């Protein structure tokens, strides 16, 4: 089995906005293999993506996110939890 690069993964899976949570997780695994930026950078990028989407999406203003925003917001939450956990472990 050949390991995809992040570029190959994006090419086969299309627009990241339509990815499922499993797609996002798989992409992160391939990106980790391909020297993904540090956790803090990914966390900040996810925070920006979540905020940008929420600001532009009326459906995400309530308690339940839209189908597109859900994975974006969950990725941010997961990376935030991972980063906070790393800080507690290192601190």
N, C-alpha and C. Protein backbone atom coordinates (compact mmCIF):
# COMPACT_ATOMS: atom_id res chain seq x y z
N UNK A 1 0.84 -1.18 0.00
CA UNK A 1 0.00 0.00 0.00
C UNK A 1 0.89 1.25 0.00
N UNK A 2 0.59 2.19 -0.86
CA UNK A 2 1.36 3.42 -0.97
C UNK A 2 0.75 4.48 -0.06
N UNK A 3 1.61 5.20 0.65
CA UNK A 3 1.14 6.30 1.49
C UNK A 3 1.00 7.54 0.63
N UNK A 4 -0.18 8.14 0.69
CA UNK A 4 -0.43 9.36 -0.08
C UNK A 4 0.27 10.55 0.56
N UNK A 5 0.65 11.48 -0.28
CA UNK A 5 1.12 12.77 0.24
C UNK A 5 -0.12 13.62 0.49
N UNK A 6 -0.01 14.68 1.28
CA UNK A 6 -1.18 15.56 1.48
C UNK A 6 -1.74 16.10 0.17
N UNK A 7 -0.88 16.42 -0.78
CA UNK A 7 -1.35 16.94 -2.08
C UNK A 7 -2.14 15.86 -2.82
N UNK A 8 -1.65 14.63 -2.82
CA UNK A 8 -2.37 13.54 -3.46
C UNK A 8 -3.71 13.30 -2.77
N UNK A 9 -3.73 13.36 -1.45
CA UNK A 9 -4.97 13.16 -0.71
C UNK A 9 -5.99 14.22 -1.10
N UNK A 10 -5.57 15.49 -1.13
CA UNK A 10 -6.48 16.57 -1.52
C UNK A 10 -6.97 16.39 -2.94
N UNK A 11 -6.10 15.94 -3.83
CA UNK A 11 -6.49 15.73 -5.23
C UNK A 11 -7.56 14.66 -5.36
N UNK A 12 -7.47 13.62 -4.55
CA UNK A 12 -8.45 12.53 -4.66
C UNK A 12 -9.72 12.79 -3.86
N UNK A 13 -9.67 13.66 -2.86
CA UNK A 13 -10.83 13.90 -2.00
C UNK A 13 -11.55 15.21 -2.28
N UNK A 14 -11.04 16.02 -3.19
CA UNK A 14 -11.74 17.25 -3.56
C UNK A 14 -11.63 18.35 -2.52
N UNK A 15 -12.59 19.24 -2.55
CA UNK A 15 -12.60 20.43 -1.71
C UNK A 15 -12.66 20.06 -0.22
N UNK A 16 -11.69 20.50 0.59
CA UNK A 16 -11.68 20.17 2.01
C UNK A 16 -12.94 20.61 2.76
N UNK A 17 -13.64 21.59 2.23
CA UNK A 17 -14.87 22.06 2.89
C UNK A 17 -15.91 20.94 2.95
N UNK A 18 -15.85 20.01 2.02
CA UNK A 18 -16.84 18.92 1.97
C UNK A 18 -16.38 17.66 2.68
N UNK A 19 -15.18 17.67 3.26
CA UNK A 19 -14.65 16.48 3.90
C UNK A 19 -15.40 16.13 5.17
N UNK A 20 -15.46 14.86 5.44
CA UNK A 20 -16.03 14.37 6.70
C UNK A 20 -14.95 14.45 7.78
N UNK A 21 -15.35 14.19 9.00
CA UNK A 21 -14.37 14.15 10.09
C UNK A 21 -13.31 13.08 9.85
N UNK A 22 -13.73 11.95 9.31
CA UNK A 22 -12.78 10.88 9.01
C UNK A 22 -11.77 11.33 7.95
N UNK A 23 -12.26 12.07 6.93
CA UNK A 23 -11.35 12.59 5.91
C UNK A 23 -10.32 13.53 6.54
N UNK A 24 -10.80 14.42 7.41
CA UNK A 24 -9.89 15.36 8.06
C UNK A 24 -8.85 14.63 8.90
N UNK A 25 -9.30 13.61 9.63
CA UNK A 25 -8.36 12.83 10.44
C UNK A 25 -7.34 12.11 9.56
N UNK A 26 -7.81 11.53 8.46
CA UNK A 26 -6.90 10.83 7.55
C UNK A 26 -5.89 11.80 6.95
N UNK A 27 -6.37 12.96 6.56
CA UNK A 27 -5.48 13.98 6.00
C UNK A 27 -4.39 14.35 7.01
N UNK A 28 -4.79 14.53 8.27
CA UNK A 28 -3.80 14.88 9.29
C UNK A 28 -2.76 13.79 9.46
N UNK A 29 -3.16 12.53 9.35
CA UNK A 29 -2.20 11.44 9.45
C UNK A 29 -1.19 11.53 8.30
N UNK A 30 -1.69 11.72 7.08
CA UNK A 30 -0.78 11.85 5.93
C UNK A 30 0.09 13.09 6.07
N UNK A 31 -0.48 14.16 6.56
CA UNK A 31 0.29 15.39 6.73
C UNK A 31 1.34 15.23 7.82
N UNK A 32 1.00 14.49 8.89
CA UNK A 32 2.00 14.21 9.94
C UNK A 32 3.18 13.45 9.35
N UNK A 33 2.86 12.49 8.51
CA UNK A 33 3.91 11.71 7.86
C UNK A 33 4.76 12.61 6.98
N UNK A 34 4.12 13.61 6.36
CA UNK A 34 4.80 14.51 5.43
C UNK A 34 5.29 15.77 6.12
N UNK A 35 5.54 15.70 7.42
CA UNK A 35 6.08 16.82 8.21
C UNK A 35 5.11 18.00 8.29
N UNK A 36 3.97 17.72 8.84
CA UNK A 36 2.95 18.74 9.07
C UNK A 36 3.50 19.81 10.01
N UNK A 37 3.00 21.04 9.90
CA UNK A 37 3.45 22.08 10.83
C UNK A 37 3.18 21.67 12.28
N UNK A 38 3.83 22.32 13.22
CA UNK A 38 3.64 21.99 14.63
C UNK A 38 2.17 22.11 15.04
N UNK A 39 1.84 21.41 16.12
CA UNK A 39 0.47 21.39 16.63
C UNK A 39 -0.08 22.79 16.83
N UNK A 40 0.70 23.69 17.39
CA UNK A 40 0.21 25.05 17.65
C UNK A 40 -0.22 25.73 16.34
N UNK A 41 0.55 25.55 15.29
CA UNK A 41 0.22 26.17 14.00
C UNK A 41 -1.08 25.58 13.46
N UNK A 42 -1.22 24.25 13.52
CA UNK A 42 -2.46 23.61 13.06
C UNK A 42 -3.65 24.07 13.89
N UNK A 43 -3.45 24.20 15.18
CA UNK A 43 -4.50 24.66 16.09
C UNK A 43 -4.94 26.08 15.72
N UNK A 44 -3.99 26.96 15.47
CA UNK A 44 -4.33 28.35 15.10
C UNK A 44 -5.00 28.41 13.73
N UNK A 45 -4.55 27.58 12.79
CA UNK A 45 -5.19 27.53 11.47
C UNK A 45 -6.63 27.03 11.59
N UNK A 46 -6.83 26.03 12.42
CA UNK A 46 -8.18 25.50 12.63
C UNK A 46 -9.07 26.53 13.32
N UNK A 47 -8.51 27.27 14.26
CA UNK A 47 -9.28 28.33 14.94
C UNK A 47 -9.72 29.38 13.93
N UNK A 48 -8.82 29.77 13.05
CA UNK A 48 -9.15 30.77 12.04
C UNK A 48 -10.22 30.24 11.09
N UNK A 49 -10.08 28.99 10.65
CA UNK A 49 -11.06 28.40 9.74
C UNK A 49 -12.44 28.32 10.40
N UNK A 50 -12.47 27.92 11.65
CA UNK A 50 -13.74 27.82 12.38
C UNK A 50 -14.39 29.18 12.55
N UNK A 51 -13.61 30.17 12.95
CA UNK A 51 -14.14 31.52 13.14
C UNK A 51 -14.61 32.12 11.82
N UNK A 52 -13.82 31.95 10.78
CA UNK A 52 -14.18 32.48 9.46
C UNK A 52 -15.48 31.86 8.97
N UNK A 53 -15.60 30.54 9.13
CA UNK A 53 -16.82 29.88 8.69
C UNK A 53 -18.02 30.34 9.52
N UNK A 54 -17.86 30.34 10.83
CA UNK A 54 -18.97 30.73 11.71
C UNK A 54 -19.42 32.17 11.43
N UNK A 55 -18.48 33.06 11.18
CA UNK A 55 -18.84 34.45 10.89
C UNK A 55 -19.63 34.59 9.60
N UNK A 56 -19.38 33.70 8.63
CA UNK A 56 -20.04 33.81 7.33
C UNK A 56 -21.28 32.93 7.19
N UNK A 57 -21.51 32.03 8.14
CA UNK A 57 -22.58 31.03 8.00
C UNK A 57 -23.69 31.29 9.02
N UNK A 58 -24.84 31.66 8.54
CA UNK A 58 -25.96 31.93 9.46
C UNK A 58 -26.42 30.65 10.16
N UNK A 59 -26.29 29.50 9.49
CA UNK A 59 -26.71 28.24 10.10
C UNK A 59 -25.83 27.87 11.30
N UNK A 60 -24.59 28.32 11.30
CA UNK A 60 -23.68 27.99 12.39
C UNK A 60 -23.76 28.98 13.56
N UNK A 61 -24.68 29.90 13.51
CA UNK A 61 -24.84 30.87 14.60
C UNK A 61 -25.56 30.26 15.79
N UNK A 62 -26.35 29.22 15.56
CA UNK A 62 -27.10 28.58 16.63
C UNK A 62 -26.28 27.51 17.33
N UNK A 63 -26.97 26.63 18.02
CA UNK A 63 -26.29 25.60 18.80
C UNK A 63 -25.82 24.43 17.94
N UNK A 64 -26.42 24.23 16.76
CA UNK A 64 -26.04 23.14 15.87
C UNK A 64 -25.39 23.70 14.61
N UNK A 65 -24.16 23.29 14.29
CA UNK A 65 -23.51 23.78 13.08
C UNK A 65 -24.13 23.17 11.82
N UNK A 66 -23.86 23.79 10.70
CA UNK A 66 -24.32 23.28 9.41
C UNK A 66 -23.48 22.04 9.03
N UNK A 67 -23.89 21.29 8.01
CA UNK A 67 -23.14 20.10 7.61
C UNK A 67 -21.69 20.39 7.21
N UNK A 68 -21.44 21.54 6.63
CA UNK A 68 -20.07 21.90 6.24
C UNK A 68 -19.29 22.38 7.46
N UNK A 69 -19.92 23.20 8.28
CA UNK A 69 -19.24 23.77 9.44
C UNK A 69 -18.95 22.77 10.54
N UNK A 70 -19.78 21.75 10.66
CA UNK A 70 -19.59 20.76 11.73
C UNK A 70 -18.19 20.19 11.77
N UNK A 71 -17.70 19.62 10.65
CA UNK A 71 -16.33 19.08 10.66
C UNK A 71 -15.26 20.15 10.91
N UNK A 72 -15.49 21.34 10.39
CA UNK A 72 -14.53 22.44 10.59
C UNK A 72 -14.43 22.77 12.07
N UNK A 73 -15.58 22.91 12.72
CA UNK A 73 -15.61 23.27 14.15
C UNK A 73 -15.09 22.12 15.02
N UNK A 74 -15.44 20.88 14.65
CA UNK A 74 -14.96 19.73 15.43
C UNK A 74 -13.45 19.59 15.34
N UNK A 75 -12.88 19.87 14.16
CA UNK A 75 -11.42 19.80 14.01
C UNK A 75 -10.76 20.83 14.93
N UNK A 76 -11.31 22.04 14.94
CA UNK A 76 -10.77 23.07 15.84
C UNK A 76 -10.85 22.60 17.29
N UNK A 77 -12.00 22.09 17.69
CA UNK A 77 -12.16 21.64 19.08
C UNK A 77 -11.19 20.52 19.42
N UNK A 78 -11.01 19.58 18.48
CA UNK A 78 -10.09 18.47 18.74
C UNK A 78 -8.65 18.95 18.86
N UNK A 79 -8.24 19.85 17.96
CA UNK A 79 -6.88 20.37 18.03
C UNK A 79 -6.67 21.24 19.27
N UNK A 80 -7.71 21.96 19.66
CA UNK A 80 -7.62 22.76 20.88
C UNK A 80 -7.42 21.85 22.09
N UNK A 81 -8.21 20.78 22.16
CA UNK A 81 -8.07 19.83 23.27
C UNK A 81 -6.68 19.19 23.27
N UNK A 82 -6.20 18.85 22.07
CA UNK A 82 -4.87 18.24 21.96
C UNK A 82 -3.79 19.22 22.40
N UNK A 83 -3.91 20.48 21.98
CA UNK A 83 -2.92 21.47 22.35
C UNK A 83 -2.93 21.74 23.86
N UNK A 84 -4.11 21.91 24.42
CA UNK A 84 -4.22 22.16 25.87
C UNK A 84 -3.65 20.96 26.63
N UNK A 85 -3.96 19.75 26.17
CA UNK A 85 -3.42 18.56 26.81
C UNK A 85 -1.92 18.50 26.75
N UNK A 86 -1.36 18.90 25.61
CA UNK A 86 0.09 18.94 25.47
C UNK A 86 0.70 19.98 26.41
N UNK A 87 0.06 21.12 26.54
CA UNK A 87 0.57 22.17 27.43
C UNK A 87 0.56 21.69 28.89
N UNK A 88 -0.50 21.01 29.29
CA UNK A 88 -0.59 20.49 30.66
C UNK A 88 0.50 19.45 30.90
N UNK A 89 0.73 18.60 29.89
CA UNK A 89 1.74 17.55 30.00
C UNK A 89 3.14 18.17 30.08
N UNK A 90 3.40 19.19 29.28
CA UNK A 90 4.71 19.83 29.24
C UNK A 90 4.93 20.78 30.41
N UNK A 91 3.82 21.29 30.98
CA UNK A 91 3.92 22.30 32.02
C UNK A 91 4.12 21.73 33.35
